[in-house]
Amino acid sequence: MDKIFKELLAVNEVRGVLLIASNGKVRYPKSGHLGSLLPGSVDWPAMLGFLAGIHEAEFLCEHLRIYVRKAEDDWLLVLMGPKASPAMVRLNCDILLPLLKERNGTKGLLRLFKR
């Protein structure tokens, strides 16, 4: 998974990436300096319930921006500094979401053919 998120993590001011399953389990935590935010201390099922029906959202806090994106059965959270470029983050997410889908077993046209 590190390879998939490498470009996103290289964007200026991106401080971390979390991939969270729909049941609230953190599938991929990669974080740097996040201040007092500890991924294990968040009630993810409650947070994801709050996001039900939302495809994409951005939250702006005093020292942190959180970009949330629905990815198949998972949620992708990108933690950024206040000066991060939301357009670059969105672009990188657009690029990596198909890679996540591929990794989770969707095989595109190959599923139509017997092996």
PDB file of N, CA and C in Angstrom:
ATOM      1  N   MET A   1       0.809  -1.191   0.000  1.00  0.00           N
ATOM      2  CA  MET A   1       0.000   0.000   0.000  1.00  0.00           C
ATOM      3  C   MET A   1       0.855   1.260   0.000  1.00  0.00           C
ATOM      4  N   ASP A   2       2.046   1.173   0.554  1.00  0.00           N
ATOM      5  CA  ASP A   2       2.919   2.349   0.564  1.00  0.00           C
ATOM      6  C   ASP A   2       3.150   2.867  -0.850  1.00  0.00           C
ATOM      7  N   LYS A   3       3.276   1.959  -1.809  1.00  0.00           N
ATOM      8  CA  LYS A   3       3.530   2.349  -3.191  1.00  0.00           C
ATOM      9  C   LYS A   3       2.343   3.132  -3.763  1.00  0.00           C
ATOM     10  N   ILE A   4       1.126   2.712  -3.432  1.00  0.00           N
ATOM     11  CA  ILE A   4      -0.074   3.386  -3.935  1.00  0.00           C
ATOM     12  C   ILE A   4      -0.164   4.818  -3.409  1.00  0.00           C
ATOM     13  N   PHE A   5       0.172   5.012  -2.145  1.00  0.00           N
ATOM     14  CA  PHE A   5       0.018   6.321  -1.517  1.00  0.00           C
ATOM     15  C   PHE A   5       1.264   7.205  -1.598  1.00  0.00           C
ATOM     16  N   LYS A   6       2.305   6.722  -2.222  1.00  0.00           N
ATOM     17  CA  LYS A   6       3.586   7.440  -2.266  1.00  0.00           C
ATOM     18  C   LYS A   6       3.442   8.854  -2.836  1.00  0.00           C
ATOM     19  N   GLU A   7       2.802   8.981  -3.994  1.00  0.00           N
ATOM     20  CA  GLU A   7       2.653  10.300  -4.634  1.00  0.00           C
ATOM     21  C   GLU A   7       1.797  11.243  -3.794  1.00  0.00           C
ATOM     22  N   LEU A   8       0.728  10.718  -3.228  1.00  0.00           N
ATOM     23  CA  LEU A   8      -0.149  11.544  -2.396  1.00  0.00           C
ATOM     24  C   LEU A   8       0.597  12.057  -1.175  1.00  0.00           C
ATOM     25  N   LEU A   9       1.370  11.202  -0.554  1.00  0.00           N
ATOM     26  CA  LEU A   9       2.130  11.601   0.627  1.00  0.00           C
ATOM     27  C   LEU A   9       3.250  12.591   0.290  1.00  0.00           C
ATOM     28  N   ALA A  10       3.634  12.642  -0.994  1.00  0.00           N
ATOM     29  CA  ALA A  10       4.687  13.566  -1.411  1.00  0.00           C
ATOM     30  C   ALA A  10       4.162  14.976  -1.691  1.00  0.00           C
ATOM     31  N   VAL A  11       2.842  15.144  -1.728  1.00  0.00           N
ATOM     32  CA  VAL A  11       2.264  16.471  -1.964  1.00  0.00           C
ATOM     33  C   VAL A  11       2.600  17.366  -0.777  1.00  0.00           C
ATOM     34  N   ASN A  12       2.991  18.597  -1.068  1.00  0.00           N
ATOM     35  CA  ASN A  12       3.365  19.560  -0.034  1.00  0.00           C
ATOM     36  C   ASN A  12       2.251  19.727   0.999  1.00  0.00           C
ATOM     37  N   GLU A  13       2.608  19.624   2.270  1.00  0.00           N
ATOM     38  CA  GLU A  13       1.718  19.801   3.413  1.00  0.00           C
ATOM     39  C   GLU A  13       0.803  18.607   3.701  1.00  0.00           C
ATOM     40  N   VAL A  14       0.904  17.513   2.946  1.00  0.00           N
ATOM     41  CA  VAL A  14       0.129  16.318   3.302  1.00  0.00           C
ATOM     42  C   VAL A  14       0.838  15.660   4.475  1.00  0.00           C
ATOM     43  N   ARG A  15       0.110  15.471   5.547  1.00  0.00           N
ATOM     44  CA  ARG A  15       0.703  14.967   6.790  1.00  0.00           C
ATOM     45  C   ARG A  15       0.367  13.512   7.086  1.00  0.00           C
ATOM     46  N   GLY A  16      -0.614  12.987   6.392  1.00  0.00           N
ATOM     47  CA  GLY A  16      -0.958  11.601   6.645  1.00  0.00           C
ATOM     48  C   GLY A  16      -2.117  11.130   5.797  1.00  0.00           C
ATOM     49  N   VAL A  17      -2.255   9.819   5.705  1.00  0.00           N
ATOM     50  CA  VAL A  17      -3.325   9.188   4.950  1.00  0.00           C
ATOM     51  C   VAL A  17      -3.861   8.032   5.783  1.00  0.00           C
ATOM     52  N   LEU A  18      -5.176   7.935   5.845  1.00  0.00           N
ATOM     53  CA  LEU A  18      -5.816   6.827   6.529  1.00  0.00           C
ATOM     54  C   LEU A  18      -6.810   6.188   5.569  1.00  0.00           C
ATOM     55  N   LEU A  19      -6.792   4.881   5.495  1.00  0.00           N
ATOM     56  CA  LEU A  19      -7.781   4.142   4.737  1.00  0.00           C
ATOM     57  C   LEU A  19      -8.578   3.367   5.779  1.00  0.00           C
ATOM     58  N   ILE A  20      -9.871   3.667   5.852  1.00  0.00           N
ATOM     59  CA  ILE A  20     -10.706   3.104   6.900  1.00  0.00           C
ATOM     60  C   ILE A  20     -11.820   2.282   6.269  1.00  0.00           C
ATOM     61  N   ALA A  21     -11.966   1.042   6.723  1.00  0.00           N
ATOM     62  CA  ALA A  21     -13.026   0.159   6.230  1.00  0.00           C
ATOM     63  C   ALA A  21     -14.379   0.669   6.711  1.00  0.00           C
ATOM     64  N   SER A  22     -15.432   0.267   6.032  1.00  0.00           N
ATOM     65  CA  SER A  22     -16.777   0.734   6.388  1.00  0.00           C
ATOM     66  C   SER A  22     -17.199   0.300   7.797  1.00  0.00           C
ATOM     67  N   ASN A  23     -16.541  -0.711   8.359  1.00  0.00           N
ATOM     68  CA  ASN A  23     -16.843  -1.133   9.736  1.00  0.00           C
ATOM     69  C   ASN A  23     -16.053  -0.326  10.772  1.00  0.00           C
ATOM     70  N   GLY A  24     -15.217   0.605  10.319  1.00  0.00           N
ATOM     71  CA  GLY A  24     -14.454   1.464  11.224  1.00  0.00           C
ATOM     72  C   GLY A  24     -13.037   1.009  11.494  1.00  0.00           C
ATOM     73  N   LYS A  25     -12.644  -0.130  10.953  1.00  0.00           N
ATOM     74  CA  LYS A  25     -11.279  -0.636  11.164  1.00  0.00           C
ATOM     75  C   LYS A  25     -10.302   0.135  10.272  1.00  0.00           C
ATOM     76  N   VAL A  26      -9.216   0.611  10.858  1.00  0.00           N
ATOM     77  CA  VAL A  26      -8.198   1.336  10.103  1.00  0.00           C
ATOM     78  C   VAL A  26      -7.385   0.312   9.318  1.00  0.00           C
ATOM     79  N   ARG A  27      -7.488   0.356   7.993  1.00  0.00           N
ATOM     80  CA  ARG A  27      -6.789  -0.603   7.127  1.00  0.00           C
ATOM     81  C   ARG A  27      -5.383  -0.140   6.790  1.00  0.00           C
ATOM     82  N   TYR A  28      -5.181   1.168   6.714  1.00  0.00           N
ATOM     83  CA  TYR A  28      -3.861   1.691   6.363  1.00  0.00           C
ATOM     84  C   TYR A  28      -3.653   3.025   7.068  1.00  0.00           C
ATOM     85  N   PRO A  29      -2.802   3.065   8.067  1.00  0.00           N
ATOM     86  CA  PRO A  29      -2.468   4.338   8.701  1.00  0.00           C
ATOM     87  C   PRO A  29      -1.062   4.776   8.305  1.00  0.00           C
ATOM     88  N   LYS A  30      -0.938   5.930   7.757  1.00  0.00           N
ATOM     89  CA  LYS A  30       0.380   6.487   7.445  1.00  0.00           C
ATOM     90  C   LYS A  30       0.317   7.945   7.845  1.00  0.00           C
ATOM     91  N   SER A  31       0.955   8.275   8.936  1.00  0.00           N
ATOM     92  CA  SER A  31       0.856   9.647   9.404  1.00  0.00           C
ATOM     93  C   SER A  31       2.187  10.145   9.930  1.00  0.00           C
ATOM     94  N   GLY A  32       2.354  11.428   9.775  1.00  0.00           N
ATOM     95  CA  GLY A  32       3.535  12.110  10.282  1.00  0.00           C
ATOM     96  C   GLY A  32       3.119  12.960  11.467  1.00  0.00           C
ATOM     97  N   HIS A  33       3.382  14.244  11.385  1.00  0.00           N
ATOM     98  CA  HIS A  33       3.039  15.185  12.451  1.00  0.00           C
ATOM     99  C   HIS A  33       1.561  15.558  12.354  1.00  0.00           C
ATOM    100  N   LEU A  34       0.761  15.071  13.279  1.00  0.00           N
ATOM    101  CA  LEU A  34      -0.671  15.348  13.263  1.00  0.00           C
ATOM    102  C   LEU A  34      -1.137  16.094  14.506  1.00  0.00           C
ATOM    103  N   GLY A  35      -0.205  16.570  15.288  1.00  0.00           N
ATOM    104  CA  GLY A  35      -0.595  17.250  16.515  1.00  0.00           C
ATOM    105  C   GLY A  35      -1.174  16.239  17.490  1.00  0.00           C
ATOM    106  N   SER A  36      -2.360  16.515  18.004  1.00  0.00           N
ATOM    107  CA  SER A  36      -2.950  15.649  19.019  1.00  0.00           C
ATOM    108  C   SER A  36      -3.837  14.551  18.419  1.00  0.00           C
ATOM    109  N   LEU A  37      -3.969  14.489  17.092  1.00  0.00           N
ATOM    110  CA  LEU A  37      -4.821  13.479  16.469  1.00  0.00           C
ATOM    111  C   LEU A  37      -4.103  12.131  16.434  1.00  0.00           C
ATOM    112  N   LEU A  38      -4.679  11.167  17.108  1.00  0.00           N
ATOM    113  CA  LEU A  38      -4.164   9.800  17.090  1.00  0.00           C
ATOM    114  C   LEU A  38      -5.226   8.925  16.436  1.00  0.00           C
ATOM    115  N   PRO A  39      -4.912   8.308  15.286  1.00  0.00           N
ATOM    116  CA  PRO A  39      -5.920   7.518  14.570  1.00  0.00           C
ATOM    117  C   PRO A  39      -6.615   6.467  15.424  1.00  0.00           C
ATOM    118  N   GLY A  40      -5.902   5.890  16.380  1.00  0.00           N
ATOM    119  CA  GLY A  40      -6.494   4.866  17.228  1.00  0.00           C
ATOM    120  C   GLY A  40      -7.449   5.410  18.281  1.00  0.00           C
ATOM    121  N   SER A  41      -7.445   6.721  18.494  1.00  0.00           N
ATOM    122  CA  SER A  41      -8.286   7.303  19.536  1.00  0.00           C
ATOM    123  C   SER A  41      -9.616   7.839  19.001  1.00  0.00           C
ATOM    124  N   VAL A  42      -9.858   7.697  17.710  1.00  0.00           N
ATOM    125  CA  VAL A  42     -11.075   8.219  17.103  1.00  0.00           C
ATOM    126  C   VAL A  42     -12.118   7.113  17.012  1.00  0.00           C
ATOM    127  N   ASP A  43     -13.359   7.442  17.295  1.00  0.00           N
ATOM    128  CA  ASP A  43     -14.467   6.501  17.157  1.00  0.00           C
ATOM    129  C   ASP A  43     -14.885   6.496  15.690  1.00  0.00           C
ATOM    130  N   TRP A  44     -14.178   5.708  14.873  1.00  0.00           N
ATOM    131  CA  TRP A  44     -14.389   5.718  13.423  1.00  0.00           C
ATOM    132  C   TRP A  44     -15.790   5.280  13.012  1.00  0.00           C
ATOM    133  N   PRO A  45     -16.377   4.249  13.631  1.00  0.00           N
ATOM    134  CA  PRO A  45     -17.739   3.889  13.219  1.00  0.00           C
ATOM    135  C   PRO A  45     -18.730   5.046  13.376  1.00  0.00           C
ATOM    136  N   ALA A  46     -18.613   5.820  14.455  1.00  0.00           N
ATOM    137  CA  ALA A  46     -19.492   6.976  14.648  1.00  0.00           C
ATOM    138  C   ALA A  46     -19.200   8.049  13.606  1.00  0.00           C
ATOM    139  N   MET A  47     -17.935   8.268  13.328  1.00  0.00           N
ATOM    140  CA  MET A  47     -17.543   9.266  12.324  1.00  0.00           C
ATOM    141  C   MET A  47     -18.066   8.869  10.950  1.00  0.00           C
ATOM    142  N   LEU A  48     -17.934   7.597  10.592  1.00  0.00           N
ATOM    143  CA  LEU A  48     -18.385   7.136   9.285  1.00  0.00           C
ATOM    144  C   LEU A  48     -19.908   7.181   9.184  1.00  0.00           C
ATOM    145  N   GLY A  49     -20.591   6.957  10.296  1.00  0.00           N
ATOM    146  CA  GLY A  49     -22.040   7.098  10.311  1.00  0.00           C
ATOM    147  C   GLY A  49     -22.457   8.528  10.011  1.00  0.00           C
ATOM    148  N   PHE A  50     -21.685   9.463  10.507  1.00  0.00           N
ATOM    149  CA  PHE A  50     -21.923  10.883  10.249  1.00  0.00           C
ATOM    150  C   PHE A  50     -21.738  11.216   8.768  1.00  0.00           C
ATOM    151  N   LEU A  51     -20.842  10.478   8.102  1.00  0.00           N
ATOM    152  CA  LEU A  51     -20.535  10.731   6.693  1.00  0.00           C
ATOM    153  C   LEU A  51     -21.414   9.944   5.719  1.00  0.00           C
ATOM    154  N   ALA A  52     -22.372   9.174   6.231  1.00  0.00           N
ATOM    155  CA  ALA A  52     -23.224   8.359   5.367  1.00  0.00           C
ATOM    156  C   ALA A  52     -23.860   9.213   4.274  1.00  0.00           C
ATOM    157  N   GLY A  53     -23.743   8.736   3.044  1.00  0.00           N
ATOM    158  CA  GLY A  53     -24.326   9.442   1.909  1.00  0.00           C
ATOM    159  C   GLY A  53     -23.433  10.517   1.310  1.00  0.00           C
ATOM    160  N   ILE A  54     -22.306  10.776   1.923  1.00  0.00           N
ATOM    161  CA  ILE A  54     -21.382  11.800   1.417  1.00  0.00           C
ATOM    162  C   ILE A  54     -20.295  11.117   0.601  1.00  0.00           C
ATOM    163  N   HIS A  55     -20.023  11.640  -0.575  1.00  0.00           N
ATOM    164  CA  HIS A  55     -18.989  11.074  -1.447  1.00  0.00           C
ATOM    165  C   HIS A  55     -17.639  11.738  -1.194  1.00  0.00           C
ATOM    166  N   GLU A  56     -17.671  13.011  -0.878  1.00  0.00           N
ATOM    167  CA  GLU A  56     -16.433  13.783  -0.727  1.00  0.00           C
ATOM    168  C   GLU A  56     -16.708  14.947   0.218  1.00  0.00           C
ATOM    169  N   ALA A  57     -15.758  15.230   1.119  1.00  0.00           N
ATOM    170  CA  ALA A  57     -15.916  16.340   2.055  1.00  0.00           C
ATOM    171  C   ALA A  57     -14.546  16.856   2.469  1.00  0.00           C
ATOM    172  N   GLU A  58     -14.528  18.093   2.899  1.00  0.00           N
ATOM    173  CA  GLU A  58     -13.296  18.676   3.433  1.00  0.00           C
ATOM    174  C   GLU A  58     -13.636  19.415   4.708  1.00  0.00           C
ATOM    175  N   PHE A  59     -12.872  19.121   5.759  1.00  0.00           N
ATOM    176  CA  PHE A  59     -13.071  19.766   7.039  1.00  0.00           C
ATOM    177  C   PHE A  59     -11.864  20.646   7.319  1.00  0.00           C
ATOM    178  N   LEU A  60     -12.109  21.844   7.777  1.00  0.00           N
ATOM    179  CA  LEU A  60     -11.038  22.785   8.069  1.00  0.00           C
ATOM    180  C   LEU A  60     -11.017  23.046   9.563  1.00  0.00           C
ATOM    181  N   CYS A  61      -9.914  22.679  10.180  1.00  0.00           N
ATOM    182  CA  CYS A  61      -9.717  22.917  11.601  1.00  0.00           C
ATOM    183  C   CYS A  61      -8.668  24.025  11.742  1.00  0.00           C
ATOM    184  N   GLU A  62      -8.338  24.379  12.953  1.00  0.00           N
ATOM    185  CA  GLU A  62      -7.399  25.474  13.168  1.00  0.00           C
ATOM    186  C   GLU A  62      -6.026  25.201  12.557  1.00  0.00           C
ATOM    187  N   HIS A  63      -5.487  24.006  12.756  1.00  0.00           N
ATOM    188  CA  HIS A  63      -4.144  23.684  12.262  1.00  0.00           C
ATOM    189  C   HIS A  63      -4.122  22.463  11.357  1.00  0.00           C
ATOM    190  N   LEU A  64      -5.274  22.011  10.911  1.00  0.00           N
ATOM    191  CA  LEU A  64      -5.343  20.775  10.144  1.00  0.00           C
ATOM    192  C   LEU A  64      -6.548  20.813   9.207  1.00  0.00           C
ATOM    193  N   ARG A  65      -6.337  20.319   8.009  1.00  0.00           N
ATOM    194  CA  ARG A  65      -7.431  20.108   7.063  1.00  0.00           C
ATOM    195  C   ARG A  65      -7.588  18.611   6.890  1.00  0.00           C
ATOM    196  N   ILE A  66      -8.823  18.171   6.773  1.00  0.00           N
ATOM    197  CA  ILE A  66      -9.088  16.749   6.569  1.00  0.00           C
ATOM    198  C   ILE A  66      -9.943  16.610   5.320  1.00  0.00           C
ATOM    199  N   TYR A  67      -9.416  15.896   4.342  1.00  0.00           N
ATOM    200  CA  TYR A  67     -10.136  15.621   3.109  1.00  0.00           C
ATOM    201  C   TYR A  67     -10.618  14.184   3.177  1.00  0.00           C
ATOM    202  N   VAL A  68     -11.914  13.976   3.000  1.00  0.00           N
ATOM    203  CA  VAL A  68     -12.526  12.657   3.108  1.00  0.00           C
ATOM    204  C   VAL A  68     -13.104  12.278   1.756  1.00  0.00           C
ATOM    205  N   ARG A  69     -12.828  11.053   1.339  1.00  0.00           N
ATOM    206  CA  ARG A  69     -13.309  10.595   0.035  1.00  0.00           C
ATOM    207  C   ARG A  69     -13.783   9.151   0.152  1.00  0.00           C
ATOM    208  N   LYS A  70     -14.961   8.870  -0.358  1.00  0.00           N
ATOM    209  CA  LYS A  70     -15.496   7.504  -0.372  1.00  0.00           C
ATOM    210  C   LYS A  70     -14.757   6.720  -1.439  1.00  0.00           C
ATOM    211  N   ALA A  71     -14.290   5.545  -1.087  1.00  0.00           N
ATOM    212  CA  ALA A  71     -13.533   4.693  -2.014  1.00  0.00           C
ATOM    213  C   ALA A  71     -14.085   3.279  -1.934  1.00  0.00           C
ATOM    214  N   GLU A  72     -15.041   2.951  -2.838  1.00  0.00           N
ATOM    215  CA  GLU A  72     -15.687   1.634  -2.825  1.00  0.00           C
ATOM    216  C   GLU A  72     -16.286   1.384  -1.445  1.00  0.00           C
ATOM    217  N   ASP A  73     -15.787   0.386  -0.707  1.00  0.00           N
ATOM    218  CA  ASP A  73     -16.301   0.079   0.631  1.00  0.00           C
ATOM    219  C   ASP A  73     -15.469   0.721   1.737  1.00  0.00           C
ATOM    220  N   ASP A  74     -14.508   1.519   1.372  1.00  0.00           N
ATOM    221  CA  ASP A  74     -13.619   2.155   2.338  1.00  0.00           C
ATOM    222  C   ASP A  74     -13.775   3.670   2.292  1.00  0.00           C
ATOM    223  N   TRP A  75     -13.144   4.314   3.257  1.00  0.00           N
ATOM    224  CA  TRP A  75     -13.070   5.764   3.285  1.00  0.00           C
ATOM    225  C   TRP A  75     -11.597   6.152   3.287  1.00  0.00           C
ATOM    226  N   LEU A  76     -11.259   7.131   2.485  1.00  0.00           N
ATOM    227  CA  LEU A  76      -9.897   7.643   2.412  1.00  0.00           C
ATOM    228  C   LEU A  76      -9.879   9.006   3.089  1.00  0.00           C
ATOM    229  N   LEU A  77      -9.036   9.155   4.092  1.00  0.00           N
ATOM    230  CA  LEU A  77      -8.880  10.423   4.781  1.00  0.00           C
ATOM    231  C   LEU A  77      -7.470  10.922   4.544  1.00  0.00           C
ATOM    232  N   VAL A  78      -7.359  12.147   4.074  1.00  0.00           N
ATOM    233  CA  VAL A  78      -6.059  12.760   3.851  1.00  0.00           C
ATOM    234  C   VAL A  78      -5.943  13.907   4.843  1.00  0.00           C
ATOM    235  N   LEU A  79      -4.909  13.860   5.659  1.00  0.00           N
ATOM    236  CA  LEU A  79      -4.675  14.874   6.674  1.00  0.00           C
ATOM    237  C   LEU A  79      -3.617  15.833   6.153  1.00  0.00           C
ATOM    238  N   MET A  80      -3.961  17.120   6.157  1.00  0.00           N
ATOM    239  CA  MET A  80      -3.095  18.120   5.535  1.00  0.00           C
ATOM    240  C   MET A  80      -2.879  19.312   6.454  1.00  0.00           C
ATOM    241  N   GLY A  81      -1.811  20.023   6.176  1.00  0.00           N
ATOM    242  CA  GLY A  81      -1.579  21.290   6.825  1.00  0.00           C
ATOM    243  C   GLY A  81      -2.460  22.352   6.188  1.00  0.00           C
ATOM    244  N   PRO A  82      -2.564  23.525   6.796  1.00  0.00           N
ATOM    245  CA  PRO A  82      -3.460  24.569   6.283  1.00  0.00           C
ATOM    246  C   PRO A  82      -3.071  25.118   4.908  1.00  0.00           C
ATOM    247  N   LYS A  83      -1.828  24.963   4.510  1.00  0.00           N
ATOM    248  CA  LYS A  83      -1.375  25.513   3.227  1.00  0.00           C
ATOM    249  C   LYS A  83      -1.346  24.478   2.099  1.00  0.00           C
ATOM    250  N   ALA A  84      -1.886  23.299   2.332  1.00  0.00           N
ATOM    251  CA  ALA A  84      -1.894  22.244   1.305  1.00  0.00           C
ATOM    252  C   ALA A  84      -2.797  22.651   0.147  1.00  0.00           C
ATOM    253  N   SER A  85      -2.491  22.139  -1.016  1.00  0.00           N
ATOM    254  CA  SER A  85      -3.290  22.409  -2.207  1.00  0.00           C
ATOM    255  C   SER A  85      -4.404  21.365  -2.333  1.00  0.00           C
ATOM    256  N   PRO A  86      -5.644  21.748  -2.078  1.00  0.00           N
ATOM    257  CA  PRO A  86      -6.744  20.786  -2.196  1.00  0.00           C
ATOM    258  C   PRO A  86      -6.861  20.215  -3.614  1.00  0.00           C
ATOM    259  N   ALA A  87      -6.558  21.011  -4.623  1.00  0.00           N
ATOM    260  CA  ALA A  87      -6.643  20.531  -6.005  1.00  0.00           C
ATOM    261  C   ALA A  87      -5.638  19.404  -6.255  1.00  0.00           C
ATOM    262  N   MET A  88      -4.429  19.536  -5.739  1.00  0.00           N
ATOM    263  CA  MET A  88      -3.420  18.478  -5.911  1.00  0.00           C
ATOM    264  C   MET A  88      -3.811  17.211  -5.158  1.00  0.00           C
ATOM    265  N   VAL A  89      -4.385  17.385  -3.989  1.00  0.00           N
ATOM    266  CA  VAL A  89      -4.822  16.230  -3.208  1.00  0.00           C
ATOM    267  C   VAL A  89      -5.947  15.507  -3.940  1.00  0.00           C
ATOM    268  N   ARG A  90      -6.926  16.244  -4.450  1.00  0.00           N
ATOM    269  CA  ARG A  90      -8.028  15.629  -5.199  1.00  0.00           C
ATOM    270  C   ARG A  90      -7.521  14.900  -6.438  1.00  0.00           C
ATOM    271  N   LEU A  91      -6.610  15.535  -7.166  1.00  0.00           N
ATOM    272  CA  LEU A  91      -6.041  14.923  -8.367  1.00  0.00           C
ATOM    273  C   LEU A  91      -5.347  13.602  -8.028  1.00  0.00           C
ATOM    274  N   ASN A  92      -4.542  13.606  -6.987  1.00  0.00           N
ATOM    275  CA  ASN A  92      -3.856  12.380  -6.578  1.00  0.00           C
ATOM    276  C   ASN A  92      -4.842  11.313  -6.127  1.00  0.00           C
ATOM    277  N   CYS A  93      -5.904  11.704  -5.463  1.00  0.00           N
ATOM    278  CA  CYS A  93      -6.930  10.733  -5.055  1.00  0.00           C
ATOM    279  C   CYS A  93      -7.640  10.160  -6.271  1.00  0.00           C
ATOM    280  N   ASP A  94      -7.918  11.006  -7.264  1.00  0.00           N
ATOM    281  CA  ASP A  94      -8.542  10.523  -8.500  1.00  0.00           C
ATOM    282  C   ASP A  94      -7.673   9.460  -9.172  1.00  0.00           C
ATOM    283  N   ILE A  95      -6.374   9.635  -9.080  1.00  0.00           N
ATOM    284  CA  ILE A  95      -5.439   8.697  -9.701  1.00  0.00           C
ATOM    285  C   ILE A  95      -5.325   7.398  -8.898  1.00  0.00           C
ATOM    286  N   LEU A  96      -5.303   7.493  -7.579  1.00  0.00           N
ATOM    287  CA  LEU A  96      -5.053   6.294  -6.775  1.00  0.00           C
ATOM    288  C   LEU A  96      -6.296   5.472  -6.461  1.00  0.00           C
ATOM    289  N   LEU A  97      -7.485   6.042  -6.557  1.00  0.00           N
ATOM    290  CA  LEU A  97      -8.691   5.269  -6.254  1.00  0.00           C
ATOM    291  C   LEU A  97      -8.861   4.043  -7.160  1.00  0.00           C
ATOM    292  N   PRO A  98      -8.609   4.147  -8.466  1.00  0.00           N
ATOM    293  CA  PRO A  98      -8.673   2.927  -9.290  1.00  0.00           C
ATOM    294  C   PRO A  98      -7.637   1.881  -8.873  1.00  0.00           C
ATOM    295  N   LEU A  99      -6.477   2.325  -8.381  1.00  0.00           N
ATOM    296  CA  LEU A  99      -5.454   1.381  -7.913  1.00  0.00           C
ATOM    297  C   LEU A  99      -5.933   0.634  -6.674  1.00  0.00           C
ATOM    298  N   LEU A 100      -6.639   1.335  -5.788  1.00  0.00           N
ATOM    299  CA  LEU A 100      -7.197   0.682  -4.602  1.00  0.00           C
ATOM    300  C   LEU A 100      -8.269  -0.330  -4.997  1.00  0.00           C
ATOM    301  N   LYS A 101      -9.083   0.052  -5.960  1.00  0.00           N
ATOM    302  CA  LYS A 101     -10.137  -0.839  -6.439  1.00  0.00           C
ATOM    303  C   LYS A 101      -9.526  -2.116  -7.024  1.00  0.00           C
ATOM    304  N   GLU A 102      -8.450  -1.941  -7.792  1.00  0.00           N
ATOM    305  CA  GLU A 102      -7.732  -3.073  -8.385  1.00  0.00           C
ATOM    306  C   GLU A 102      -7.158  -3.974  -7.294  1.00  0.00           C
ATOM    307  N   ARG A 103      -6.579  -3.360  -6.294  1.00  0.00           N
ATOM    308  CA  ARG A 103      -5.944  -4.101  -5.202  1.00  0.00           C
ATOM    309  C   ARG A 103      -6.969  -4.888  -4.391  1.00  0.00           C
ATOM    310  N   ASN A 104      -8.192  -4.375  -4.318  1.00  0.00           N
ATOM    311  CA  ASN A 104      -9.241  -5.036  -3.532  1.00  0.00           C
ATOM    312  C   ASN A 104      -9.929  -6.153  -4.285  1.00  0.00           C
ATOM    313  N   GLY A 105      -9.430  -6.495  -5.465  1.00  0.00           N
ATOM    314  CA  GLY A 105      -9.941  -7.679  -6.134  1.00  0.00           C
ATOM    315  C   GLY A 105     -10.787  -7.435  -7.359  1.00  0.00           C
ATOM    316  N   THR A 106     -11.129  -6.205  -7.675  1.00  0.00           N
ATOM    317  CA  THR A 106     -11.898  -5.963  -8.886  1.00  0.00           C
ATOM    318  C   THR A 106     -10.963  -6.152 -10.061  1.00  0.00           C
ATOM    319  N   LYS A 107     -11.346  -6.993 -10.993  1.00  0.00           N
ATOM    320  CA  LYS A 107     -10.448  -7.337 -12.079  1.00  0.00           C
ATOM    321  C   LYS A 107     -10.906  -6.788 -13.421  1.00  0.00           C
ATOM    322  N   GLY A 108     -11.866  -5.896 -13.423  1.00  0.00           N
ATOM    323  CA  GLY A 108     -12.315  -5.297 -14.677  1.00  0.00           C
ATOM    324  C   GLY A 108     -12.855  -6.340 -15.639  1.00  0.00           C
ATOM    325  N   LEU A 109     -12.427  -6.317 -16.878  1.00  0.00           N
ATOM    326  CA  LEU A 109     -12.921  -7.232 -17.899  1.00  0.00           C
ATOM    327  C   LEU A 109     -12.495  -8.677 -17.667  1.00  0.00           C
ATOM    328  N   LEU A 110     -11.422  -8.895 -16.931  1.00  0.00           N
ATOM    329  CA  LEU A 110     -10.954 -10.270 -16.670  1.00  0.00           C
ATOM    330  C   LEU A 110     -12.001 -11.112 -15.956  1.00  0.00           C
ATOM    331  N   ARG A 111     -12.896 -10.470 -15.191  1.00  0.00           N
ATOM    332  CA  ARG A 111     -13.918 -11.217 -14.477  1.00  0.00           C
ATOM    333  C   ARG A 111     -14.905 -11.890 -15.422  1.00  0.00           C
ATOM    334  N   LEU A 112     -14.950 -11.460 -16.681  1.00  0.00           N
ATOM    335  CA  LEU A 112     -15.888 -12.019 -17.644  1.00  0.00           C
ATOM    336  C   LEU A 112     -15.390 -13.297 -18.307  1.00  0.00           C
ATOM    337  N   PHE A 113     -14.107 -13.583 -18.175  1.00  0.00           N
ATOM    338  CA  PHE A 113     -13.513 -14.727 -18.842  1.00  0.00           C
ATOM    339  C   PHE A 113     -13.137 -15.815 -17.847  1.00  0.00           C
ATOM    340  N   LYS A 114     -13.357 -17.080 -18.230  1.00  0.00           N
ATOM    341  CA  LYS A 114     -12.948 -18.196 -17.376  1.00  0.00           C
ATOM    342  C   LYS A 114     -11.459 -18.406 -17.533  1.00  0.00           C
ATOM    343  N   ARG A 115     -10.849 -18.872 -16.490  1.00  0.00           N
ATOM    344  CA  ARG A 115      -9.409 -19.148 -16.520  1.00  0.00           C
ATOM    345  C   ARG A 115      -9.150 -20.602 -16.626  1.00  0.00           C
TER     346      ARG A 115
END
